[in-house]
Amino acid sequence: MVGVTAGGLVAGLTSSVSASTGGNITVAYFQQTTNPALPYILDQAKAEFEKAYPGWTVTLEGITSAGENDYYTKLDLMSSSASTAPDVLYEDTFLVNSDVSAGYLAPIDSYLKTWSQWKDFYPTAKSAAKGTDGHIYGVPMGTDTRGLWYNKVLLAKAGIKLPWHPTTWAQVIAAAQAVKKAEPSIIPLNVYGGVGAGEGTTMQGFEMLDYGTNNPLYDTKTNKWEKAGAGWESVLKEYKTIYGQNLGPTPQTEVSTQILSNVWDTLIPQSKLAIAVDGSWLPGIWAKNGGAPWPQWSKTMAVTPMPTESGQGPGDVSMSGGWLLSVGSHASNKQMAFNYIADALNYKNSLYYSINGGQIAVRSDVAATPSYKNENAVIPEMSTFVKFTHYRPAYSVYPKLSNEIQIITGQILTGQTTAAAGAAEYNKYLVSTVGASNTEAAPS
């Protein structure tokens, strides 16, 4: 683990604010996150900021919620009123444009121009913080990729040759079936579905399958939303297979708001789950100071890319996202709010966050640091997934479409609808949400 010491003035920043003026910066964040590095760097930045700016204080407002969707809702409620809006927000990148449209975020371009460390952030990371209006609305904290995590012991007992590298969905299902036959008490495979996991369902579940078909959510060549077609139905049929054959957790477990922590903190560490479609941040949760310490994880677990449906090009699939620290539109002193963010995400705090939070670095100087490269063998491996990764179509309507996907996958895994009916339901919702002229038929 990398240590962090308190810092001084924010490098490269000039502030017209006199220390004698004083004031308070409020920071809203997701208190239930299993990333132990988040509260740590927020506390470090509080100490650094208050030392650098006498008369100023920082209030960390942890939002308690049942899950990520509930966090988003509570953050929106806070941000909708100047009397309750935070100065700094822990913001998911996929919500940037919808929150800009709602008037919750302030552009920070002018502050970034005076921050010498902005040059150290990768261009792709900067683009994740950019709104459709071209302005930057946050500083990236880290990014991630997703793949197939598997328990080497359980797969070996099932007679599966290691290292495992499936090249089709059928091979993933076959491995799950082999685990079920060899160890009936073990959950063979988890692919998130339902509203309980929130955006985790959409990204780690549905989209990891969908981007392995020829039917993605959005066509970047035509700038139109793609209707659900054959690819969509293939995805929903895969959910039917997993949950219809009892290869996944029980539907009641899967749709619970506790499903993410259940998988990360219990099912995987206790070797009750053999294969999981999940993210690069898991080692941070299992670290000594993580939410669910598990020293043996590196000897037990391995990761491999998620294959496309039939092994068609490019062969592998990943999804990438990430979080930002953003300045709220109602912040009374936006310069000082940004100064706090610059402290929180300076080099040493970003290095700590990347290592201890299991993040893929968004800063070139962090990525080049030996302690980052050597701390966790899986992070460099999962960094290679970036070459075939996909990013969500983060337009203002995306959160609504994502929620509909969560509802439909939940209906599928609980047996309430069919793949064809689920696709038809999505198309109806899509047209009513974005307008018929902004949609196109899926490839046949």
Protein backbone atom coordinates (compact mmCIF):
# COMPACT_ATOMS: atom_id res chain seq x y z
CA MET A 1 0.00 0.00 0.00
CA VAL A 2 1.18 3.53 -0.67
CA GLY A 3 1.28 6.07 2.11
CA VAL A 4 0.02 9.63 1.89
CA THR A 5 1.15 12.60 3.92
CA ALA A 6 -0.55 15.94 4.29
CA GLY A 7 0.28 18.44 1.62
CA GLY A 8 0.39 22.19 1.39
CA LEU A 9 -0.83 24.69 -1.15
CA VAL A 10 -2.41 23.32 -4.28
CA ALA A 11 0.31 23.31 -6.93
CA GLY A 12 -0.29 25.45 -9.95
CA LEU A 13 -3.36 27.22 -8.60
CA THR A 14 -3.88 30.88 -7.94
CA SER A 15 -6.83 32.00 -5.91
CA SER A 16 -8.16 35.50 -5.48
CA VAL A 17 -9.69 34.38 -2.20
CA SER A 18 -8.02 35.81 0.89
CA ALA A 19 -7.47 33.32 3.69
CA SER A 20 -9.05 35.84 6.02
CA THR A 21 -12.39 35.63 4.24
CA GLY A 22 -12.95 32.03 5.32
CA GLY A 23 -15.89 29.82 4.51
CA ASN A 24 -16.98 26.20 4.24
CA ILE A 25 -16.88 23.66 1.43
CA THR A 26 -19.39 20.80 1.57
CA VAL A 27 -18.54 17.54 -0.18
CA ALA A 28 -21.28 14.98 -0.94
CA TYR A 29 -20.26 11.38 -1.59
CA PHE A 30 -21.64 7.83 -1.56
CA GLN A 31 -20.98 6.63 1.98
CA GLN A 32 -21.85 2.99 1.27
CA THR A 33 -19.30 2.55 -1.49
CA THR A 34 -17.06 -0.45 -0.86
CA ASN A 35 -14.07 1.49 -2.21
CA PRO A 36 -12.04 2.19 0.94
CA ALA A 37 -9.80 4.68 -0.83
CA LEU A 38 -12.61 7.21 -1.38
CA PRO A 39 -13.22 8.34 2.22
CA TYR A 40 -9.47 8.21 2.84
CA ILE A 41 -8.51 10.69 0.11
CA LEU A 42 -11.47 12.92 0.97
CA ASP A 43 -10.20 13.07 4.56
CA GLN A 44 -6.65 13.69 3.37
CA ALA A 45 -7.79 16.51 1.13
CA LYS A 46 -9.80 18.03 3.98
CA ALA A 47 -6.66 18.19 6.14
CA GLU A 48 -4.54 19.55 3.28
CA PHE A 49 -7.11 22.14 2.26
CA GLU A 50 -7.77 23.43 5.78
CA LYS A 51 -4.02 23.74 6.38
CA ALA A 52 -3.48 25.58 3.11
CA TYR A 53 -6.42 27.97 3.57
CA PRO A 54 -6.76 29.10 7.20
CA GLY A 55 -10.32 30.16 7.98
CA TRP A 56 -11.76 27.63 5.54
CA THR A 57 -13.31 24.32 6.59
CA VAL A 58 -14.52 21.23 4.74
CA THR A 59 -17.65 19.27 5.68
CA LEU A 60 -17.82 15.73 4.31
CA GLU A 61 -21.45 14.72 3.84
CA GLY A 62 -21.69 10.98 3.33
CA ILE A 63 -25.00 10.03 1.72
CA THR A 64 -26.45 6.79 3.05
CA SER A 65 -28.56 4.87 0.57
CA ALA A 66 -29.82 1.43 -0.32
CA GLY A 67 -27.75 1.35 -3.51
CA GLU A 68 -26.29 3.45 -6.31
CA ASN A 69 -29.65 4.39 -7.81
CA ASP A 70 -30.80 5.61 -4.42
CA TYR A 71 -27.57 7.63 -4.08
CA TYR A 72 -28.21 9.30 -7.42
CA THR A 73 -31.75 10.20 -6.37
CA LYS A 74 -30.66 11.65 -3.04
CA LEU A 75 -27.84 13.62 -4.66
CA ASP A 76 -30.30 15.07 -7.18
CA LEU A 77 -32.63 16.14 -4.38
CA MET A 78 -29.76 17.86 -2.58
CA SER A 79 -28.54 19.55 -5.76
CA SER A 80 -31.96 20.85 -6.78
CA SER A 81 -32.01 23.49 -4.03
CA ALA A 82 -29.36 26.12 -3.35
CA SER A 83 -29.94 25.68 0.39
CA THR A 84 -28.94 22.00 0.36
CA ALA A 85 -26.72 21.69 -2.73
CA PRO A 86 -23.14 20.53 -2.05
CA ASP A 87 -20.15 22.49 -3.31
CA VAL A 88 -18.37 19.32 -4.47
CA LEU A 89 -20.13 16.20 -5.78
CA TYR A 90 -18.96 12.60 -6.18
CA GLU A 91 -20.37 12.15 -9.69
CA ASP A 92 -20.70 9.09 -11.96
CA THR A 93 -19.52 9.94 -15.49
CA PHE A 94 -22.67 8.57 -17.10
CA LEU A 95 -24.75 11.22 -15.30
CA VAL A 96 -22.73 14.24 -16.40
CA ASN A 97 -24.97 15.34 -19.26
CA SER A 98 -28.24 14.70 -17.47
CA ASP A 99 -26.99 16.62 -14.42
CA VAL A 100 -25.73 19.46 -16.62
CA SER A 101 -29.18 19.64 -18.24
CA ALA A 102 -30.74 19.71 -14.77
CA GLY A 103 -28.49 22.61 -13.78
CA TYR A 104 -26.60 20.78 -11.01
CA LEU A 105 -22.99 21.11 -12.25
CA ALA A 106 -20.69 24.05 -12.98
CA PRO A 107 -18.11 24.02 -15.80
CA ILE A 108 -14.54 24.09 -14.50
CA ASP A 109 -12.57 24.87 -17.69
CA SER A 110 -11.26 28.20 -16.38
CA TYR A 111 -9.89 26.60 -13.20
CA LEU A 112 -8.24 23.76 -15.07
CA LYS A 113 -6.24 26.25 -17.12
CA THR A 114 -4.38 27.32 -13.98
CA TRP A 115 -3.84 23.79 -12.61
CA SER A 116 -0.48 22.47 -13.79
CA GLN A 117 -1.40 18.85 -13.01
CA TRP A 118 -4.27 18.73 -15.53
CA LYS A 119 -1.72 17.94 -18.25
CA ASP A 120 -0.98 14.63 -16.52
CA PHE A 121 -4.49 13.24 -17.12
CA TYR A 122 -5.03 11.03 -20.16
CA PRO A 123 -7.12 12.59 -22.95
CA THR A 124 -9.62 9.71 -22.81
CA ALA A 125 -10.12 10.35 -19.09
CA LYS A 126 -10.67 14.05 -19.75
CA SER A 127 -13.27 13.21 -22.39
CA ALA A 128 -15.29 11.27 -19.80
CA ALA A 129 -15.76 14.54 -17.91
CA LYS A 130 -16.79 16.52 -20.98
CA GLY A 131 -20.41 17.49 -21.57
CA THR A 132 -22.03 17.59 -24.98
CA ASP A 133 -21.60 21.37 -24.82
CA GLY A 134 -17.82 20.93 -24.87
CA HIS A 135 -17.19 22.06 -21.29
CA ILE A 136 -15.44 20.00 -18.62
CA TYR A 137 -17.57 19.20 -15.56
CA GLY A 138 -15.27 17.28 -13.25
CA VAL A 139 -11.84 15.83 -12.56
CA PRO A 140 -11.58 12.06 -13.18
CA MET A 141 -10.74 9.89 -10.17
CA GLY A 142 -9.99 6.63 -11.93
CA THR A 143 -11.41 4.36 -14.56
CA ASP A 144 -12.12 0.66 -14.82
CA THR A 145 -12.62 -2.28 -17.11
CA ARG A 146 -14.73 -5.41 -16.76
CA GLY A 147 -14.14 -9.06 -17.46
CA LEU A 148 -14.82 -12.61 -16.26
CA TRP A 149 -13.47 -13.22 -12.77
CA TYR A 150 -13.18 -16.93 -11.98
CA ASN A 151 -12.25 -19.08 -9.00
CA LYS A 152 -9.36 -21.25 -10.14
CA VAL A 153 -9.99 -23.92 -7.52
CA LEU A 154 -13.67 -24.33 -8.37
CA LEU A 155 -13.07 -24.44 -12.13
CA ALA A 156 -10.28 -26.98 -11.72
CA LYS A 157 -12.60 -29.21 -9.67
CA ALA A 158 -15.09 -28.99 -12.52
CA GLY A 159 -12.49 -30.27 -14.94
CA ILE A 160 -11.94 -26.99 -16.77
CA LYS A 161 -8.45 -26.44 -18.14
CA LEU A 162 -6.64 -23.44 -16.67
CA PRO A 163 -5.90 -20.71 -17.47
CA TRP A 164 -9.44 -20.33 -18.74
CA HIS A 165 -10.11 -18.23 -21.81
CA PRO A 166 -13.59 -18.81 -23.29
CA THR A 167 -14.12 -17.48 -26.80
CA THR A 168 -17.94 -17.66 -27.01
CA TRP A 169 -20.94 -17.27 -24.71
CA ALA A 170 -21.65 -20.97 -25.18
CA GLN A 171 -18.29 -21.81 -23.60
CA VAL A 172 -19.09 -19.62 -20.60
CA ILE A 173 -22.40 -21.41 -20.12
CA ALA A 174 -20.70 -24.79 -20.55
CA ALA A 175 -18.23 -23.93 -17.80
CA ALA A 176 -21.07 -22.84 -15.51
CA GLN A 177 -22.89 -26.10 -16.19
CA ALA A 178 -19.73 -28.07 -15.40
CA VAL A 179 -19.37 -26.26 -12.07
CA LYS A 180 -23.01 -26.96 -11.20
CA LYS A 181 -22.52 -30.66 -11.92
CA ALA A 182 -19.29 -30.91 -9.91
CA GLU A 183 -20.32 -28.68 -6.99
CA PRO A 184 -24.15 -28.41 -6.78
CA SER A 185 -23.97 -26.12 -3.73
CA ILE A 186 -21.87 -23.52 -5.60
CA ILE A 187 -23.37 -20.67 -7.65
CA PRO A 188 -21.78 -21.16 -11.06
CA LEU A 189 -22.19 -17.73 -12.66
CA ASN A 190 -23.31 -14.20 -11.83
CA VAL A 191 -24.44 -11.74 -14.48
CA TYR A 192 -26.17 -8.77 -12.84
CA GLY A 193 -29.84 -8.20 -13.64
CA GLY A 194 -32.69 -6.18 -12.15
CA VAL A 195 -32.86 -2.78 -10.48
CA GLY A 196 -31.07 -3.88 -7.30
CA ALA A 197 -27.58 -3.45 -8.77
CA GLY A 198 -28.56 -0.21 -10.49
CA GLU A 199 -26.07 0.85 -13.14
CA GLY A 200 -24.07 -2.26 -12.24
CA THR A 201 -26.80 -4.27 -13.98
CA THR A 202 -26.57 -2.16 -17.11
CA MET A 203 -22.76 -2.06 -17.33
CA GLN A 204 -21.53 -5.31 -15.76
CA GLY A 205 -24.54 -7.28 -16.91
CA PHE A 206 -26.50 -6.24 -19.96
CA GLU A 207 -23.92 -4.15 -21.83
CA MET A 208 -21.12 -6.69 -21.37
CA LEU A 209 -23.32 -9.03 -23.37
CA ASP A 210 -24.92 -6.48 -25.70
CA TYR A 211 -21.61 -5.10 -26.97
CA GLY A 212 -20.72 -8.65 -27.91
CA THR A 213 -23.52 -8.59 -30.51
CA ASN A 214 -24.15 -6.37 -33.54
CA ASN A 215 -26.92 -4.49 -31.71
CA PRO A 216 -25.35 -1.81 -29.46
CA LEU A 217 -27.46 0.83 -27.71
CA TYR A 218 -26.24 3.73 -29.82
CA ASP A 219 -24.90 4.04 -33.36
CA THR A 220 -22.06 6.58 -33.26
CA LYS A 221 -21.92 6.70 -37.08
CA THR A 222 -25.51 7.84 -37.49
CA ASN A 223 -25.93 9.42 -34.04
CA LYS A 224 -29.13 7.47 -33.50
CA TRP A 225 -30.34 5.17 -30.74
CA GLU A 226 -30.58 1.61 -32.01
CA LYS A 227 -33.78 -0.32 -31.47
CA ALA A 228 -33.71 -3.73 -29.86
CA GLY A 229 -33.38 -6.45 -32.46
CA ALA A 230 -31.79 -9.86 -32.80
CA GLY A 231 -28.77 -8.93 -30.68
CA TRP A 232 -30.96 -7.67 -27.86
CA GLU A 233 -33.00 -10.85 -27.92
CA SER A 234 -29.80 -12.91 -27.78
CA VAL A 235 -28.80 -11.05 -24.62
CA LEU A 236 -32.16 -11.58 -22.96
CA LYS A 237 -32.16 -15.25 -23.97
CA GLU A 238 -28.77 -15.56 -22.27
CA TYR A 239 -30.34 -14.22 -19.07
CA LYS A 240 -33.13 -16.79 -19.54
CA THR A 241 -30.57 -19.57 -19.85
CA ILE A 242 -28.55 -18.52 -16.80
CA TYR A 243 -31.49 -18.06 -14.46
CA GLY A 244 -33.76 -20.67 -16.06
CA GLN A 245 -31.12 -23.36 -15.52
CA ASN A 246 -30.35 -22.13 -11.98
CA LEU A 247 -26.81 -21.24 -12.96
CA GLY A 248 -26.97 -17.88 -11.19
CA PRO A 249 -28.01 -16.66 -7.74
CA THR A 250 -31.67 -17.03 -6.88
CA PRO A 251 -33.79 -14.30 -8.51
CA GLN A 252 -34.60 -12.95 -5.04
CA THR A 253 -30.89 -12.59 -4.30
CA GLU A 254 -30.13 -11.07 -7.70
CA VAL A 255 -32.76 -8.31 -7.57
CA SER A 256 -31.86 -7.31 -3.99
CA THR A 257 -30.31 -3.88 -3.42
CA GLN A 258 -27.54 -5.73 -1.56
CA ILE A 259 -26.49 -7.85 -4.54
CA LEU A 260 -23.28 -5.93 -5.26
CA SER A 261 -21.91 -6.12 -1.73
CA ASN A 262 -23.17 -9.70 -1.44
CA VAL A 263 -21.13 -10.76 -4.48
CA TRP A 264 -18.02 -8.74 -3.63
CA ASP A 265 -17.90 -9.19 0.15
CA THR A 266 -19.35 -12.67 0.63
CA LEU A 267 -20.03 -14.93 -2.35
CA ILE A 268 -16.66 -14.57 -4.08
CA PRO A 269 -14.40 -14.43 -0.98
CA GLN A 270 -16.17 -17.44 0.56
CA SER A 271 -15.79 -19.42 -2.70
CA LYS A 272 -19.55 -19.70 -3.09
CA LEU A 273 -19.51 -18.22 -6.61
CA ALA A 274 -17.35 -19.63 -9.41
CA ILE A 275 -17.58 -17.07 -12.24
CA ALA A 276 -18.57 -13.39 -12.09
CA VAL A 277 -18.82 -10.73 -14.77
CA ASP A 278 -17.34 -7.87 -12.78
CA GLY A 279 -14.87 -5.02 -12.57
CA SER A 280 -11.21 -4.21 -12.10
CA TRP A 281 -11.87 -2.60 -8.71
CA LEU A 282 -12.43 -5.88 -6.86
CA PRO A 283 -8.84 -6.18 -5.55
CA GLY A 284 -9.34 -2.84 -3.78
CA ILE A 285 -12.29 -4.31 -1.89
CA TRP A 286 -10.24 -7.39 -0.93
CA ALA A 287 -7.15 -5.41 0.11
CA LYS A 288 -6.01 -5.27 3.75
CA ASN A 289 -7.72 -1.94 4.26
CA GLY A 290 -10.63 -2.74 1.94
CA GLY A 291 -14.27 -3.33 2.67
CA ALA A 292 -13.85 -7.13 2.70
CA PRO A 293 -10.18 -8.04 3.31
CA TRP A 294 -9.24 -11.34 1.64
CA PRO A 295 -5.47 -11.99 1.61
CA GLN A 296 -5.82 -15.17 -0.46
CA TRP A 297 -7.64 -13.57 -3.38
CA SER A 298 -4.64 -13.46 -5.72
CA LYS A 299 -4.02 -17.19 -5.23
CA THR A 300 -7.69 -18.05 -5.70
CA MET A 301 -8.96 -15.73 -8.41
CA ALA A 302 -8.02 -14.98 -12.00
CA VAL A 303 -9.59 -12.86 -14.71
CA THR A 304 -10.09 -13.30 -18.45
CA PRO A 305 -11.80 -11.15 -21.10
CA MET A 306 -15.51 -11.52 -21.79
CA PRO A 307 -15.97 -13.03 -25.26
CA THR A 308 -18.31 -11.84 -27.96
CA GLU A 309 -21.42 -13.93 -28.61
CA SER A 310 -19.95 -16.28 -31.21
CA GLY A 311 -16.31 -15.25 -31.09
CA GLN A 312 -16.79 -12.69 -33.86
CA GLY A 313 -14.45 -9.72 -34.09
CA PRO A 314 -13.01 -8.11 -32.09
CA GLY A 315 -13.36 -11.27 -30.01
CA ASP A 316 -13.44 -9.68 -26.57
CA VAL A 317 -15.62 -7.14 -24.78
CA SER A 318 -15.18 -4.78 -21.87
CA MET A 319 -16.99 -1.71 -20.55
CA SER A 320 -15.35 1.30 -18.93
CA GLY A 321 -16.69 4.06 -16.76
CA GLY A 322 -15.54 5.97 -13.73
CA TRP A 323 -16.29 8.70 -11.23
CA LEU A 324 -15.50 12.39 -10.99
CA LEU A 325 -15.29 15.08 -8.38
CA SER A 326 -17.39 17.94 -9.73
CA VAL A 327 -18.20 21.49 -8.66
CA GLY A 328 -21.85 22.11 -7.89
CA SER A 329 -23.63 24.87 -9.75
CA HIS A 330 -24.83 26.39 -6.46
CA ALA A 331 -21.37 26.52 -4.89
CA SER A 332 -20.94 29.97 -3.34
CA ASN A 333 -17.21 29.98 -4.13
CA LYS A 334 -16.49 27.75 -7.10
CA GLN A 335 -12.77 28.53 -7.11
CA MET A 336 -12.38 27.22 -3.56
CA ALA A 337 -14.55 24.18 -4.36
CA PHE A 338 -12.21 23.42 -7.24
CA ASN A 339 -9.17 23.97 -5.02
CA TYR A 340 -10.47 21.21 -2.75
CA ILE A 341 -10.87 18.88 -5.77
CA ALA A 342 -7.32 19.68 -6.89
CA ASP A 343 -6.08 18.67 -3.44
CA ALA A 344 -8.15 15.48 -3.39
CA LEU A 345 -6.88 14.38 -6.81
CA ASN A 346 -3.30 15.56 -6.78
CA TYR A 347 -0.57 13.07 -7.65
CA LYS A 348 -0.11 11.47 -4.25
CA ASN A 349 -3.84 11.15 -3.50
CA SER A 350 -4.52 9.84 -7.02
CA LEU A 351 -1.74 7.27 -6.56
CA TYR A 352 -3.24 6.13 -3.27
CA TYR A 353 -6.73 5.99 -4.81
CA SER A 354 -5.58 3.97 -7.82
CA ILE A 355 -3.67 1.40 -5.74
CA ASN A 356 -5.97 1.04 -2.76
CA GLY A 357 -9.20 1.47 -4.72
CA GLY A 358 -8.31 -1.05 -7.40
CA GLN A 359 -8.56 1.61 -10.09
CA ILE A 360 -7.02 1.84 -13.53
CA ALA A 361 -5.00 5.05 -13.44
CA VAL A 362 -6.24 8.11 -15.33
CA ARG A 363 -2.99 10.02 -14.82
CA SER A 364 0.15 9.16 -16.81
CA ASP A 365 2.44 9.93 -13.87
CA VAL A 366 0.48 7.54 -11.62
CA ALA A 367 0.49 4.81 -14.29
CA ALA A 368 4.29 5.10 -14.54
CA THR A 369 4.87 4.77 -10.79
CA PRO A 370 6.49 1.42 -9.81
CA SER A 371 4.32 1.01 -6.71
CA TYR A 372 1.22 1.21 -8.92
CA LYS A 373 2.53 -1.22 -11.49
CA ASN A 374 3.80 -3.72 -8.92
CA GLU A 375 1.08 -3.60 -6.26
CA ASN A 376 -1.52 -5.65 -8.08
CA ALA A 377 -0.84 -7.94 -11.05
CA VAL A 378 -4.48 -7.89 -12.15
CA ILE A 379 -4.63 -4.12 -12.70
CA PRO A 380 -1.95 -4.07 -15.44
CA GLU A 381 -3.68 -7.09 -17.02
CA MET A 382 -7.10 -5.48 -16.93
CA SER A 383 -5.56 -2.26 -18.25
CA THR A 384 -4.97 -4.18 -21.50
CA PHE A 385 -8.75 -4.54 -21.81
CA VAL A 386 -8.90 -0.83 -22.67
CA LYS A 387 -7.98 -1.64 -26.27
CA PHE A 388 -11.34 -3.35 -26.80
CA THR A 389 -13.45 -1.54 -24.22
CA HIS A 390 -16.65 0.44 -24.80
CA TYR A 391 -18.07 3.52 -23.15
CA ARG A 392 -21.69 4.22 -22.42
CA PRO A 393 -23.58 6.68 -24.66
CA ALA A 394 -23.63 9.25 -21.85
CA TYR A 395 -26.32 11.54 -23.21
CA SER A 396 -28.95 13.08 -20.99
CA VAL A 397 -31.52 10.35 -21.79
CA TYR A 398 -29.16 7.47 -21.04
CA PRO A 399 -30.02 7.17 -17.32
CA LYS A 400 -33.69 6.68 -18.23
CA LEU A 401 -32.86 4.00 -20.79
CA SER A 402 -30.49 2.35 -18.32
CA ASN A 403 -33.25 2.12 -15.73
CA GLU A 404 -35.57 0.54 -18.29
CA ILE A 405 -32.90 -2.05 -19.09
CA GLN A 406 -32.65 -2.87 -15.39
CA ILE A 407 -36.41 -3.34 -15.19
CA ILE A 408 -36.52 -5.59 -18.25
CA THR A 409 -33.61 -7.80 -17.17
CA GLY A 410 -35.28 -8.16 -13.78
CA GLN A 411 -38.49 -9.27 -15.47
CA ILE A 412 -36.52 -11.79 -17.53
CA LEU A 413 -34.65 -13.42 -14.65
CA THR A 414 -37.80 -13.62 -12.51
CA GLY A 415 -39.71 -15.23 -15.39
CA GLN A 416 -42.20 -12.39 -15.86
CA THR A 417 -41.53 -11.85 -19.57
CA THR A 418 -39.90 -13.35 -22.65
CA ALA A 419 -36.93 -12.13 -24.66
CA ALA A 420 -39.14 -11.02 -27.55
CA ALA A 421 -41.56 -9.22 -25.26
CA GLY A 422 -38.69 -7.57 -23.39
CA ALA A 423 -37.19 -6.26 -26.62
CA ALA A 424 -40.60 -4.95 -27.74
CA GLU A 425 -41.09 -3.25 -24.37
CA TYR A 426 -37.72 -1.50 -24.69
CA ASN A 427 -38.48 -0.29 -28.23
CA LYS A 428 -41.75 1.23 -27.10
CA TYR A 429 -40.02 3.00 -24.23
CA LEU A 430 -37.11 4.10 -26.45
CA VAL A 431 -39.33 5.80 -29.02
CA SER A 432 -41.39 7.55 -26.34
CA THR A 433 -38.21 8.76 -24.63
CA VAL A 434 -35.97 9.91 -27.49
CA GLY A 435 -38.48 10.32 -30.35
CA ALA A 436 -38.90 8.10 -33.40
CA SER A 437 -36.66 10.32 -35.55
CA ASN A 438 -33.74 9.68 -33.23
CA THR A 439 -33.95 5.89 -33.52
CA GLU A 440 -33.02 3.37 -36.18
CA ALA A 441 -33.79 -0.26 -36.79
CA ALA A 442 -31.35 -2.82 -35.45
CA PRO A 443 -29.19 -4.79 -37.91
CA SER A 444 -30.80 -8.02 -39.01
